Amino acid sequence: MLSEVEWLVKEQDKIGNILKKGNLILTGAYGLPIPINDKKFIEVTSSLFGNVSALFQ
């Protein structure tokens, strides 16, 4: 994975975006995005990763 981060740093440097200490690099998503529309409470259960929930107000 470090070679991919090195590639990212070099590519960003080419366009003038210098990555700095503390920048967050997201390496991907677990699944496809799911629209929440007007739902107020979302709960996700995963046997592999655990549970998470969010309340939108």
PDB file of N, CA and C in Angstrom:
ATOM      1  N   MET A   1       0.821  -1.193   0.000  1.00  0.00           N
ATOM      2  CA  MET A   1       0.000   0.000   0.000  1.00  0.00           C
ATOM      3  C   MET A   1       0.870   1.264   0.000  1.00  0.00           C
ATOM      4  N   LEU A   2       2.059   1.192   0.541  1.00  0.00           N
ATOM      5  CA  LEU A   2       2.908   2.383   0.582  1.00  0.00           C
ATOM      6  C   LEU A   2       3.270   2.865  -0.815  1.00  0.00           C
ATOM      7  N   SER A   3       3.415   1.953  -1.772  1.00  0.00           N
ATOM      8  CA  SER A   3       3.724   2.384  -3.140  1.00  0.00           C
ATOM      9  C   SER A   3       2.562   3.179  -3.729  1.00  0.00           C
ATOM     10  N   GLU A   4       1.329   2.821  -3.366  1.00  0.00           N
ATOM     11  CA  GLU A   4       0.170   3.570  -3.843  1.00  0.00           C
ATOM     12  C   GLU A   4       0.132   4.971  -3.242  1.00  0.00           C
ATOM     13  N   VAL A   5       0.498   5.087  -1.984  1.00  0.00           N
ATOM     14  CA  VAL A   5       0.537   6.413  -1.348  1.00  0.00           C
ATOM     15  C   VAL A   5       1.634   7.253  -1.990  1.00  0.00           C
ATOM     16  N   GLU A   6       2.766   6.644  -2.270  1.00  0.00           N
ATOM     17  CA  GLU A   6       3.845   7.380  -2.949  1.00  0.00           C
ATOM     18  C   GLU A   6       3.369   7.877  -4.314  1.00  0.00           C
ATOM     19  N   TRP A   7       2.661   7.023  -5.067  1.00  0.00           N
ATOM     20  CA  TRP A   7       2.119   7.426  -6.360  1.00  0.00           C
ATOM     21  C   TRP A   7       1.165   8.611  -6.190  1.00  0.00           C
ATOM     22  N   LEU A   8       0.276   8.529  -5.181  1.00  0.00           N
ATOM     23  CA  LEU A   8      -0.687   9.596  -4.934  1.00  0.00           C
ATOM     24  C   LEU A   8       0.022  10.914  -4.641  1.00  0.00           C
ATOM     25  N   VAL A   9       1.043  10.865  -3.806  1.00  0.00           N
ATOM     26  CA  VAL A   9       1.800  12.077  -3.459  1.00  0.00           C
ATOM     27  C   VAL A   9       2.399  12.699  -4.711  1.00  0.00           C
ATOM     28  N   LYS A  10       2.998  11.882  -5.568  1.00  0.00           N
ATOM     29  CA  LYS A  10       3.629  12.393  -6.795  1.00  0.00           C
ATOM     30  C   LYS A  10       2.598  12.967  -7.758  1.00  0.00           C
ATOM     31  N   GLU A  11       1.467  12.280  -7.911  1.00  0.00           N
ATOM     32  CA  GLU A  11       0.421  12.774  -8.812  1.00  0.00           C
ATOM     33  C   GLU A  11      -0.162  14.095  -8.315  1.00  0.00           C
ATOM     34  N   GLN A  12      -0.385  14.206  -7.022  1.00  0.00           N
ATOM     35  CA  GLN A  12      -0.923  15.441  -6.463  1.00  0.00           C
ATOM     36  C   GLN A  12       0.082  16.586  -6.596  1.00  0.00           C
ATOM     37  N   ASP A  13       1.351  16.273  -6.450  1.00  0.00           N
ATOM     38  CA  ASP A  13       2.404  17.276  -6.605  1.00  0.00           C
ATOM     39  C   ASP A  13       2.400  17.846  -8.027  1.00  0.00           C
ATOM     40  N   LYS A  14       2.127  17.001  -9.014  1.00  0.00           N
ATOM     41  CA  LYS A  14       2.094  17.448 -10.418  1.00  0.00           C
ATOM     42  C   LYS A  14       1.056  18.538 -10.643  1.00  0.00           C
ATOM     43  N   ILE A  15      -0.026  18.513  -9.889  1.00  0.00           N
ATOM     44  CA  ILE A  15      -1.085  19.519 -10.068  1.00  0.00           C
ATOM     45  C   ILE A  15      -1.048  20.595  -8.987  1.00  0.00           C
ATOM     46  N   GLY A  16       0.034  20.595  -8.212  1.00  0.00           N
ATOM     47  CA  GLY A  16       0.214  21.649  -7.220  1.00  0.00           C
ATOM     48  C   GLY A  16      -0.490  21.425  -5.908  1.00  0.00           C
ATOM     49  N   ASN A  17      -0.977  20.241  -5.664  1.00  0.00           N
ATOM     50  CA  ASN A  17      -1.647  19.923  -4.407  1.00  0.00           C
ATOM     51  C   ASN A  17      -0.680  19.122  -3.547  1.00  0.00           C
ATOM     52  N   ILE A  18      -0.045  19.785  -2.620  1.00  0.00           N
ATOM     53  CA  ILE A  18       0.965  19.146  -1.783  1.00  0.00           C
ATOM     54  C   ILE A  18       0.288  18.529  -0.559  1.00  0.00           C
ATOM     55  N   LEU A  19       0.437  17.222  -0.408  1.00  0.00           N
ATOM     56  CA  LEU A  19      -0.107  16.558   0.773  1.00  0.00           C
ATOM     57  C   LEU A  19       0.781  16.856   1.973  1.00  0.00           C
ATOM     58  N   LYS A  20       0.161  17.105   3.098  1.00  0.00           N
ATOM     59  CA  LYS A  20       0.892  17.501   4.306  1.00  0.00           C
ATOM     60  C   LYS A  20       0.570  16.563   5.450  1.00  0.00           C
ATOM     61  N   LYS A  21       1.411  16.593   6.464  1.00  0.00           N
ATOM     62  CA  LYS A  21       1.167  15.808   7.664  1.00  0.00           C
ATOM     63  C   LYS A  21      -0.215  16.149   8.208  1.00  0.00           C
ATOM     64  N   GLY A  22      -0.970  15.131   8.533  1.00  0.00           N
ATOM     65  CA  GLY A  22      -2.309  15.333   9.067  1.00  0.00           C
ATOM     66  C   GLY A  22      -3.412  15.236   8.023  1.00  0.00           C
ATOM     67  N   ASN A  23      -3.053  15.267   6.703  1.00  0.00           N
ATOM     68  CA  ASN A  23      -4.067  15.074   5.664  1.00  0.00           C
ATOM     69  C   ASN A  23      -4.647  13.674   5.760  1.00  0.00           C
ATOM     70  N   LEU A  24      -5.919  13.549   5.462  1.00  0.00           N
ATOM     71  CA  LEU A  24      -6.600  12.266   5.502  1.00  0.00           C
ATOM     72  C   LEU A  24      -6.642  11.681   4.098  1.00  0.00           C
ATOM     73  N   ILE A  25      -6.179  10.445   3.955  1.00  0.00           N
ATOM     74  CA  ILE A  25      -6.223   9.750   2.674  1.00  0.00           C
ATOM     75  C   ILE A  25      -7.210   8.601   2.814  1.00  0.00           C
ATOM     76  N   LEU A  26      -8.293   8.660   2.051  1.00  0.00           N
ATOM     77  CA  LEU A  26      -9.287   7.595   2.067  1.00  0.00           C
ATOM     78  C   LEU A  26      -8.939   6.613   0.951  1.00  0.00           C
ATOM     79  N   THR A  27      -8.802   5.356   1.286  1.00  0.00           N
ATOM     80  CA  THR A  27      -8.344   4.369   0.317  1.00  0.00           C
ATOM     81  C   THR A  27      -9.472   3.644  -0.389  1.00  0.00           C
ATOM     82  N   GLY A  28     -10.676   3.975  -0.106  1.00  0.00           N
ATOM     83  CA  GLY A  28     -11.788   3.326  -0.780  1.00  0.00           C
ATOM     84  C   GLY A  28     -12.968   3.134   0.143  1.00  0.00           C
ATOM     85  N   ALA A  29     -14.001   2.562  -0.396  1.00  0.00           N
ATOM     86  CA  ALA A  29     -15.217   2.348   0.371  1.00  0.00           C
ATOM     87  C   ALA A  29     -15.517   0.857   0.446  1.00  0.00           C
ATOM     88  N   TYR A  30     -16.186   0.460   1.478  1.00  0.00           N
ATOM     89  CA  TYR A  30     -16.553  -0.944   1.685  1.00  0.00           C
ATOM     90  C   TYR A  30     -17.628  -1.385   0.702  1.00  0.00           C
ATOM     91  N   GLY A  31     -18.514  -0.522   0.366  1.00  0.00           N
ATOM     92  CA  GLY A  31     -19.616  -0.883  -0.527  1.00  0.00           C
ATOM     93  C   GLY A  31     -20.091   0.320  -1.308  1.00  0.00           C
ATOM     94  N   LEU A  32     -21.112   0.104  -2.101  1.00  0.00           N
ATOM     95  CA  LEU A  32     -21.669   1.194  -2.906  1.00  0.00           C
ATOM     96  C   LEU A  32     -22.441   2.173  -2.032  1.00  0.00           C
ATOM     97  N   PRO A  33     -22.468   3.462  -2.409  1.00  0.00           N
ATOM     98  CA  PRO A  33     -23.261   4.439  -1.662  1.00  0.00           C
ATOM     99  C   PRO A  33     -24.752   4.105  -1.766  1.00  0.00           C
ATOM    100  N   ILE A  34     -25.459   4.320  -0.685  1.00  0.00           N
ATOM    101  CA  ILE A  34     -26.901   4.067  -0.642  1.00  0.00           C
ATOM    102  C   ILE A  34     -27.590   5.382  -0.282  1.00  0.00           C
ATOM    103  N   PRO A  35     -28.496   5.872  -1.130  1.00  0.00           N
ATOM    104  CA  PRO A  35     -29.180   7.133  -0.811  1.00  0.00           C
ATOM    105  C   PRO A  35     -30.029   6.989   0.450  1.00  0.00           C
ATOM    106  N   ILE A  36     -29.975   8.019   1.306  1.00  0.00           N
ATOM    107  CA  ILE A  36     -30.759   7.959   2.541  1.00  0.00           C
ATOM    108  C   ILE A  36     -32.038   8.776   2.439  1.00  0.00           C
ATOM    109  N   ASN A  37     -32.157   9.592   1.392  1.00  0.00           N
ATOM    110  CA  ASN A  37     -33.346  10.405   1.153  1.00  0.00           C
ATOM    111  C   ASN A  37     -33.780  11.136   2.417  1.00  0.00           C
ATOM    112  N   ASP A  38     -34.990  10.897   2.894  1.00  0.00           N
ATOM    113  CA  ASP A  38     -35.490  11.637   4.062  1.00  0.00           C
ATOM    114  C   ASP A  38     -35.447  10.809   5.340  1.00  0.00           C
ATOM    115  N   LYS A  39     -34.686   9.747   5.360  1.00  0.00           N
ATOM    116  CA  LYS A  39     -34.575   8.936   6.572  1.00  0.00           C
ATOM    117  C   LYS A  39     -33.817   9.712   7.638  1.00  0.00           C
ATOM    118  N   LYS A  40     -34.215   9.546   8.873  1.00  0.00           N
ATOM    119  CA  LYS A  40     -33.583  10.267   9.971  1.00  0.00           C
ATOM    120  C   LYS A  40     -32.563   9.412  10.713  1.00  0.00           C
ATOM    121  N   PHE A  41     -32.770   8.099  10.699  1.00  0.00           N
ATOM    122  CA  PHE A  41     -31.889   7.206  11.453  1.00  0.00           C
ATOM    123  C   PHE A  41     -31.425   6.087  10.527  1.00  0.00           C
ATOM    124  N   ILE A  42     -30.117   5.899  10.477  1.00  0.00           N
ATOM    125  CA  ILE A  42     -29.521   4.848   9.648  1.00  0.00           C
ATOM    126  C   ILE A  42     -28.698   3.949  10.557  1.00  0.00           C
ATOM    127  N   GLU A  43     -28.897   2.655  10.423  1.00  0.00           N
ATOM    128  CA  GLU A  43     -28.119   1.698  11.197  1.00  0.00           C
ATOM    129  C   GLU A  43     -27.558   0.647  10.239  1.00  0.00           C
ATOM    130  N   VAL A  44     -26.262   0.380  10.354  1.00  0.00           N
ATOM    131  CA  VAL A  44     -25.599  -0.608   9.506  1.00  0.00           C
ATOM    132  C   VAL A  44     -25.032  -1.694  10.408  1.00  0.00           C
ATOM    133  N   THR A  45     -25.303  -2.931  10.048  1.00  0.00           N
ATOM    134  CA  THR A  45     -24.798  -4.086  10.796  1.00  0.00           C
ATOM    135  C   THR A  45     -23.914  -4.904   9.871  1.00  0.00           C
ATOM    136  N   SER A  46     -22.685  -5.165  10.308  1.00  0.00           N
ATOM    137  CA  SER A  46     -21.742  -5.956   9.517  1.00  0.00           C
ATOM    138  C   SER A  46     -21.074  -6.978  10.427  1.00  0.00           C
ATOM    139  N   SER A  47     -21.171  -8.237  10.057  1.00  0.00           N
ATOM    140  CA  SER A  47     -20.523  -9.262  10.879  1.00  0.00           C
ATOM    141  C   SER A  47     -19.011  -9.141  10.820  1.00  0.00           C
ATOM    142  N   LEU A  48     -18.492  -8.553   9.756  1.00  0.00           N
ATOM    143  CA  LEU A  48     -17.047  -8.405   9.603  1.00  0.00           C
ATOM    144  C   LEU A  48     -16.509  -7.153  10.295  1.00  0.00           C
ATOM    145  N   PHE A  49     -17.247  -6.029  10.197  1.00  0.00           N
ATOM    146  CA  PHE A  49     -16.728  -4.752  10.685  1.00  0.00           C
ATOM    147  C   PHE A  49     -17.426  -4.223  11.935  1.00  0.00           C
ATOM    148  N   GLY A  50     -18.530  -4.798  12.334  1.00  0.00           N
ATOM    149  CA  GLY A  50     -19.252  -4.309  13.493  1.00  0.00           C
ATOM    150  C   GLY A  50     -20.454  -3.468  13.103  1.00  0.00           C
ATOM    151  N   ASN A  51     -20.994  -2.739  14.055  1.00  0.00           N
ATOM    152  CA  ASN A  51     -22.217  -1.961  13.835  1.00  0.00           C
ATOM    153  C   ASN A  51     -21.924  -0.463  13.948  1.00  0.00           C
ATOM    154  N   VAL A  52     -22.704   0.301  13.223  1.00  0.00           N
ATOM    155  CA  VAL A  52     -22.615   1.762  13.298  1.00  0.00           C
ATOM    156  C   VAL A  52     -23.996   2.330  13.022  1.00  0.00           C
ATOM    157  N   SER A  53     -24.294   3.485  13.627  1.00  0.00           N
ATOM    158  CA  SER A  53     -25.573   4.143  13.365  1.00  0.00           C
ATOM    159  C   SER A  53     -25.352   5.640  13.326  1.00  0.00           C
ATOM    160  N   ALA A  54     -26.287   6.321  12.653  1.00  0.00           N
ATOM    161  CA  ALA A  54     -26.224   7.780  12.553  1.00  0.00           C
ATOM    162  C   ALA A  54     -27.630   8.344  12.646  1.00  0.00           C
ATOM    163  N   LEU A  55     -27.776   9.444  13.367  1.00  0.00           N
ATOM    164  CA  LEU A  55     -29.039  10.149  13.499  1.00  0.00           C
ATOM    165  C   LEU A  55     -28.901  11.508  12.816  1.00  0.00           C
ATOM    166  N   PHE A  56     -29.733  11.767  11.799  1.00  0.00           N
ATOM    167  CA  PHE A  56     -29.698  13.031  11.062  1.00  0.00           C
ATOM    168  C   PHE A  56     -30.822  13.925  11.545  1.00  0.00           C
ATOM    169  N   GLN A  57     -30.482  15.131  11.942  1.00  0.00           N
ATOM    170  CA  GLN A  57     -31.496  16.082  12.450  1.00  0.00           C
ATOM    171  C   GLN A  57     -31.535  17.325  11.619  1.00  0.00           C
TER     172      GLN A  57
END
